[in-house]
N, C-alpha and C. Protein backbone atom coordinates (compact mmCIF):
# COMPACT_ATOMS: atom_id res chain seq x y z
N MET A 1 37.81 15.20 -12.23
CA MET A 1 37.59 15.98 -11.04
C MET A 1 38.91 16.16 -10.30
N MET A 2 38.96 17.22 -9.58
CA MET A 2 40.15 17.49 -8.79
C MET A 2 40.05 16.78 -7.44
N ASN A 3 41.17 16.64 -6.79
CA ASN A 3 41.20 15.94 -5.51
C ASN A 3 40.41 16.66 -4.42
N ASN A 4 40.38 17.98 -4.49
CA ASN A 4 39.67 18.70 -3.43
C ASN A 4 38.15 18.52 -3.54
N THR A 5 37.65 18.15 -4.70
CA THR A 5 36.20 17.93 -4.82
C THR A 5 35.78 16.63 -4.15
N MET A 6 36.70 15.72 -3.93
CA MET A 6 36.36 14.48 -3.26
C MET A 6 36.00 14.73 -1.79
N THR A 7 36.68 15.63 -1.16
CA THR A 7 36.39 15.92 0.24
C THR A 7 35.35 17.03 0.38
N ASN A 8 35.22 17.85 -0.63
CA ASN A 8 34.30 18.97 -0.59
C ASN A 8 33.50 18.98 -1.90
N PRO A 9 32.39 18.25 -1.99
CA PRO A 9 31.66 18.17 -3.26
C PRO A 9 31.04 19.51 -3.63
N SER A 10 30.97 19.73 -4.94
CA SER A 10 30.40 20.99 -5.42
C SER A 10 28.88 20.95 -5.30
N ASP A 11 28.26 22.10 -5.50
CA ASP A 11 26.81 22.19 -5.42
C ASP A 11 26.15 21.34 -6.51
N ILE A 12 26.70 21.36 -7.69
CA ILE A 12 26.12 20.58 -8.79
C ILE A 12 26.18 19.09 -8.48
N GLU A 13 27.31 18.64 -7.96
CA GLU A 13 27.45 17.23 -7.62
C GLU A 13 26.46 16.83 -6.54
N MET A 14 26.25 17.67 -5.56
CA MET A 14 25.29 17.36 -4.50
C MET A 14 23.87 17.29 -5.06
N ILE A 15 23.51 18.20 -5.95
CA ILE A 15 22.17 18.21 -6.54
C ILE A 15 21.96 16.96 -7.40
N VAL A 16 22.95 16.61 -8.20
CA VAL A 16 22.83 15.44 -9.07
C VAL A 16 22.72 14.17 -8.23
N MET A 17 23.53 14.04 -7.22
CA MET A 17 23.49 12.84 -6.39
C MET A 17 22.18 12.75 -5.60
N LYS A 18 21.64 13.87 -5.19
CA LYS A 18 20.35 13.87 -4.51
C LYS A 18 19.26 13.37 -5.45
N ARG A 19 19.30 13.81 -6.71
CA ARG A 19 18.32 13.35 -7.69
C ARG A 19 18.50 11.87 -8.00
N VAL A 20 19.71 11.41 -8.06
CA VAL A 20 19.96 9.98 -8.29
C VAL A 20 19.39 9.15 -7.16
N ARG A 21 19.60 9.59 -5.92
CA ARG A 21 19.05 8.86 -4.77
C ARG A 21 17.52 8.85 -4.81
N ARG A 22 16.91 9.96 -5.17
CA ARG A 22 15.45 10.02 -5.27
C ARG A 22 14.94 9.05 -6.33
N MET A 23 15.60 9.00 -7.46
CA MET A 23 15.17 8.10 -8.53
C MET A 23 15.32 6.64 -8.11
N ARG A 24 16.39 6.30 -7.42
CA ARG A 24 16.57 4.92 -6.95
C ARG A 24 15.47 4.53 -5.98
N ILE A 25 15.15 5.43 -5.07
CA ILE A 25 14.08 5.15 -4.10
C ILE A 25 12.75 5.04 -4.83
N LEU A 26 12.50 5.92 -5.80
CA LEU A 26 11.25 5.89 -6.55
C LEU A 26 11.10 4.58 -7.32
N PHE A 27 12.15 4.10 -7.95
CA PHE A 27 12.07 2.86 -8.70
C PHE A 27 11.88 1.66 -7.78
N LEU A 28 12.49 1.67 -6.61
CA LEU A 28 12.31 0.57 -5.68
C LEU A 28 10.89 0.50 -5.15
N ILE A 29 10.30 1.65 -4.92
CA ILE A 29 8.98 1.70 -4.33
C ILE A 29 7.88 1.57 -5.36
N LEU A 30 8.08 2.12 -6.51
CA LEU A 30 7.03 2.20 -7.52
C LEU A 30 6.50 0.83 -7.90
N SER A 31 7.36 -0.12 -8.08
CA SER A 31 6.90 -1.43 -8.52
C SER A 31 6.01 -2.10 -7.46
N ALA A 32 6.39 -2.04 -6.21
CA ALA A 32 5.59 -2.66 -5.16
C ALA A 32 4.29 -1.91 -4.93
N VAL A 33 4.32 -0.58 -5.02
CA VAL A 33 3.11 0.21 -4.81
C VAL A 33 2.11 -0.04 -5.93
N VAL A 34 2.58 -0.04 -7.15
CA VAL A 34 1.68 -0.29 -8.28
C VAL A 34 1.08 -1.69 -8.18
N PHE A 35 1.91 -2.67 -7.83
CA PHE A 35 1.42 -4.03 -7.66
C PHE A 35 0.35 -4.10 -6.57
N ALA A 36 0.59 -3.45 -5.44
CA ALA A 36 -0.37 -3.49 -4.33
C ALA A 36 -1.68 -2.81 -4.71
N VAL A 37 -1.61 -1.67 -5.38
CA VAL A 37 -2.83 -0.95 -5.77
C VAL A 37 -3.63 -1.75 -6.78
N LEU A 38 -2.96 -2.28 -7.80
CA LEU A 38 -3.67 -3.06 -8.81
C LEU A 38 -4.28 -4.33 -8.22
N THR A 39 -3.57 -4.97 -7.32
CA THR A 39 -4.10 -6.16 -6.67
C THR A 39 -5.32 -5.82 -5.82
N ALA A 40 -5.24 -4.74 -5.07
CA ALA A 40 -6.38 -4.34 -4.23
C ALA A 40 -7.59 -3.98 -5.08
N VAL A 41 -7.37 -3.25 -6.17
CA VAL A 41 -8.49 -2.86 -7.03
C VAL A 41 -9.12 -4.09 -7.67
N ALA A 42 -8.30 -5.00 -8.17
CA ALA A 42 -8.83 -6.22 -8.79
C ALA A 42 -9.59 -7.07 -7.77
N ALA A 43 -9.06 -7.20 -6.57
CA ALA A 43 -9.73 -8.00 -5.55
C ALA A 43 -11.04 -7.35 -5.11
N LEU A 44 -11.04 -6.04 -4.95
CA LEU A 44 -12.28 -5.35 -4.59
C LEU A 44 -13.32 -5.46 -5.69
N TRP A 45 -12.88 -5.39 -6.93
CA TRP A 45 -13.81 -5.57 -8.05
C TRP A 45 -14.40 -6.97 -8.02
N GLY A 46 -13.56 -7.98 -7.74
CA GLY A 46 -14.05 -9.35 -7.66
C GLY A 46 -15.04 -9.54 -6.52
N ILE A 47 -14.78 -8.92 -5.38
CA ILE A 47 -15.72 -9.00 -4.26
C ILE A 47 -17.04 -8.34 -4.64
N GLY A 48 -16.96 -7.21 -5.32
CA GLY A 48 -18.17 -6.52 -5.76
C GLY A 48 -18.99 -7.33 -6.75
N ARG A 49 -18.33 -8.15 -7.55
CA ARG A 49 -19.04 -9.01 -8.49
C ARG A 49 -19.71 -10.19 -7.79
N GLU A 50 -19.16 -10.64 -6.68
CA GLU A 50 -19.68 -11.81 -5.98
C GLU A 50 -20.71 -11.46 -4.91
N VAL A 51 -20.55 -10.32 -4.26
CA VAL A 51 -21.38 -9.97 -3.11
C VAL A 51 -21.93 -8.56 -3.29
N TRP A 52 -23.17 -8.36 -2.90
CA TRP A 52 -23.74 -7.02 -2.90
C TRP A 52 -23.35 -6.39 -1.56
N VAL A 53 -22.23 -5.68 -1.57
CA VAL A 53 -21.59 -5.20 -0.34
C VAL A 53 -22.50 -4.25 0.43
N ALA A 54 -23.21 -3.40 -0.25
CA ALA A 54 -24.09 -2.44 0.43
C ALA A 54 -25.16 -3.17 1.24
N ARG A 55 -25.69 -4.25 0.71
CA ARG A 55 -26.72 -5.02 1.44
C ARG A 55 -26.13 -5.72 2.66
N VAL A 56 -24.89 -6.14 2.58
CA VAL A 56 -24.25 -6.78 3.73
C VAL A 56 -24.18 -5.80 4.89
N PHE A 57 -23.80 -4.55 4.61
CA PHE A 57 -23.71 -3.55 5.67
C PHE A 57 -25.09 -3.10 6.14
N GLU A 58 -26.08 -3.07 5.26
CA GLU A 58 -27.43 -2.68 5.65
C GLU A 58 -28.08 -3.72 6.56
N ASN A 59 -27.82 -4.99 6.33
CA ASN A 59 -28.47 -6.05 7.08
C ASN A 59 -27.86 -6.26 8.46
N GLY A 60 -26.71 -5.72 8.71
CA GLY A 60 -26.04 -5.94 9.99
C GLY A 60 -26.48 -4.97 11.06
N PRO A 61 -26.08 -5.24 12.29
CA PRO A 61 -26.39 -4.33 13.39
C PRO A 61 -25.60 -3.02 13.25
N GLN A 62 -26.03 -2.01 13.95
CA GLN A 62 -25.42 -0.69 13.82
C GLN A 62 -24.39 -0.38 14.90
N ASP A 63 -24.37 -1.15 15.99
CA ASP A 63 -23.36 -0.90 17.02
C ASP A 63 -22.04 -1.56 16.61
N LEU A 64 -20.95 -1.06 17.14
CA LEU A 64 -19.62 -1.48 16.71
C LEU A 64 -19.33 -2.95 17.00
N VAL A 65 -19.61 -3.39 18.22
CA VAL A 65 -19.31 -4.78 18.60
C VAL A 65 -20.18 -5.74 17.79
N GLY A 66 -21.44 -5.42 17.67
CA GLY A 66 -22.34 -6.27 16.89
C GLY A 66 -21.96 -6.31 15.42
N ARG A 67 -21.49 -5.19 14.90
CA ARG A 67 -21.10 -5.13 13.49
C ARG A 67 -19.86 -5.98 13.24
N VAL A 68 -18.89 -5.93 14.16
CA VAL A 68 -17.68 -6.73 13.99
C VAL A 68 -18.03 -8.21 14.02
N GLU A 69 -18.86 -8.63 14.97
CA GLU A 69 -19.27 -10.03 15.05
C GLU A 69 -20.04 -10.44 13.80
N TYR A 70 -20.93 -9.59 13.33
CA TYR A 70 -21.73 -9.88 12.14
C TYR A 70 -20.83 -10.02 10.90
N LEU A 71 -19.88 -9.11 10.73
CA LEU A 71 -19.00 -9.18 9.57
C LEU A 71 -18.10 -10.42 9.63
N TRP A 72 -17.65 -10.80 10.83
CA TRP A 72 -16.85 -12.01 10.97
C TRP A 72 -17.70 -13.25 10.62
N TYR A 73 -18.93 -13.27 11.09
CA TYR A 73 -19.84 -14.38 10.76
C TYR A 73 -20.10 -14.41 9.25
N ALA A 74 -20.33 -13.25 8.66
CA ALA A 74 -20.58 -13.19 7.22
C ALA A 74 -19.35 -13.66 6.44
N PHE A 75 -18.17 -13.29 6.91
CA PHE A 75 -16.94 -13.72 6.24
C PHE A 75 -16.79 -15.24 6.32
N LEU A 76 -17.04 -15.82 7.48
CA LEU A 76 -16.88 -17.25 7.66
C LEU A 76 -17.90 -18.06 6.86
N HIS A 77 -19.08 -17.50 6.63
CA HIS A 77 -20.15 -18.25 5.97
C HIS A 77 -20.39 -17.80 4.53
N THR A 78 -19.39 -17.22 3.92
CA THR A 78 -19.51 -16.89 2.50
C THR A 78 -18.71 -17.88 1.69
N ARG A 79 -18.75 -17.73 0.38
CA ARG A 79 -18.02 -18.67 -0.48
C ARG A 79 -16.52 -18.46 -0.37
N LEU A 80 -15.78 -19.49 -0.75
CA LEU A 80 -14.32 -19.48 -0.64
C LEU A 80 -13.70 -18.37 -1.48
N ILE A 81 -14.25 -18.09 -2.64
CA ILE A 81 -13.68 -17.05 -3.52
C ILE A 81 -13.76 -15.68 -2.85
N VAL A 82 -14.85 -15.41 -2.16
CA VAL A 82 -14.99 -14.12 -1.47
C VAL A 82 -14.01 -14.04 -0.30
N GLN A 83 -13.84 -15.13 0.41
CA GLN A 83 -12.87 -15.16 1.50
C GLN A 83 -11.46 -14.93 0.97
N ALA A 84 -11.11 -15.59 -0.12
CA ALA A 84 -9.77 -15.43 -0.71
C ALA A 84 -9.56 -14.00 -1.20
N LEU A 85 -10.57 -13.43 -1.84
CA LEU A 85 -10.44 -12.05 -2.33
C LEU A 85 -10.35 -11.06 -1.17
N SER A 86 -11.05 -11.34 -0.08
CA SER A 86 -10.97 -10.47 1.10
C SER A 86 -9.58 -10.50 1.72
N VAL A 87 -9.01 -11.69 1.83
CA VAL A 87 -7.66 -11.81 2.38
C VAL A 87 -6.65 -11.16 1.44
N LEU A 88 -6.84 -11.34 0.13
CA LEU A 88 -5.96 -10.71 -0.86
C LEU A 88 -6.03 -9.18 -0.77
N THR A 89 -7.22 -8.65 -0.61
CA THR A 89 -7.39 -7.21 -0.46
C THR A 89 -6.68 -6.71 0.79
N LEU A 90 -6.89 -7.39 1.90
CA LEU A 90 -6.24 -6.99 3.15
C LEU A 90 -4.73 -7.05 3.02
N GLY A 91 -4.22 -8.11 2.43
CA GLY A 91 -2.77 -8.25 2.25
C GLY A 91 -2.19 -7.17 1.36
N SER A 92 -2.87 -6.86 0.27
CA SER A 92 -2.35 -5.83 -0.62
C SER A 92 -2.43 -4.44 0.02
N LEU A 93 -3.44 -4.19 0.83
CA LEU A 93 -3.51 -2.90 1.52
C LEU A 93 -2.42 -2.79 2.58
N LEU A 94 -2.11 -3.90 3.25
CA LEU A 94 -1.01 -3.89 4.21
C LEU A 94 0.33 -3.66 3.51
N LEU A 95 0.52 -4.30 2.36
CA LEU A 95 1.74 -4.09 1.57
C LEU A 95 1.84 -2.63 1.11
N LEU A 96 0.73 -2.07 0.68
CA LEU A 96 0.72 -0.67 0.26
C LEU A 96 1.08 0.25 1.42
N GLY A 97 0.51 0.00 2.57
CA GLY A 97 0.84 0.81 3.75
C GLY A 97 2.30 0.71 4.14
N ARG A 98 2.85 -0.52 4.08
CA ARG A 98 4.26 -0.71 4.42
C ARG A 98 5.16 0.02 3.44
N GLU A 99 4.87 -0.07 2.15
CA GLU A 99 5.70 0.58 1.15
C GLU A 99 5.61 2.10 1.25
N LEU A 100 4.41 2.61 1.47
CA LEU A 100 4.26 4.06 1.58
C LEU A 100 4.92 4.60 2.85
N SER A 101 4.81 3.88 3.95
CA SER A 101 5.48 4.35 5.17
C SER A 101 6.99 4.28 5.00
N GLY A 102 7.49 3.25 4.34
CA GLY A 102 8.92 3.16 4.07
C GLY A 102 9.41 4.28 3.18
N SER A 103 8.60 4.65 2.19
CA SER A 103 9.00 5.75 1.31
C SER A 103 8.99 7.09 2.04
N ILE A 104 8.05 7.27 2.94
CA ILE A 104 8.00 8.51 3.71
C ILE A 104 9.21 8.61 4.62
N VAL A 105 9.57 7.50 5.27
CA VAL A 105 10.74 7.49 6.14
C VAL A 105 12.01 7.76 5.32
N ALA A 106 12.13 7.14 4.15
CA ALA A 106 13.31 7.35 3.30
C ALA A 106 13.38 8.80 2.84
N PHE A 107 12.23 9.38 2.51
CA PHE A 107 12.22 10.77 2.07
C PHE A 107 12.64 11.71 3.20
N ILE A 108 12.17 11.44 4.40
CA ILE A 108 12.52 12.29 5.54
C ILE A 108 14.00 12.17 5.85
N ARG A 109 14.54 10.94 5.80
CA ARG A 109 15.97 10.76 6.04
C ARG A 109 16.81 11.44 4.98
N GLN A 110 16.33 11.44 3.76
CA GLN A 110 17.08 12.05 2.66
C GLN A 110 17.13 13.58 2.80
N GLN A 111 16.09 14.15 3.38
CA GLN A 111 16.03 15.61 3.52
C GLN A 111 16.96 16.12 4.60
N ARG A 112 17.45 15.27 5.47
CA ARG A 112 18.32 15.72 6.58
C ARG A 112 19.69 16.00 6.10
């Protein structure tokens, strides 16, 4: 490359470097996102095997405050495996949200 391209990059160089940055961001995010999704799906499947979730929601009250109290009571009085799977599901969904929001922010910054 010539010296003037260092201070004034060509269009091709800018396009290539933009693609390289996108790929680096994609590889950093992809592993955590896939892990979070697979963990959430596996945990939800395990909860579905242990508890008839539709019946839990049918048996509870219909108002919001009563439903929150009922679900908290149901969580506290269920088996340990269901509690662990529920916490695992919540954690993986939080991780997924954090990774997706980080990727959106990185994408927006890259477009500027």
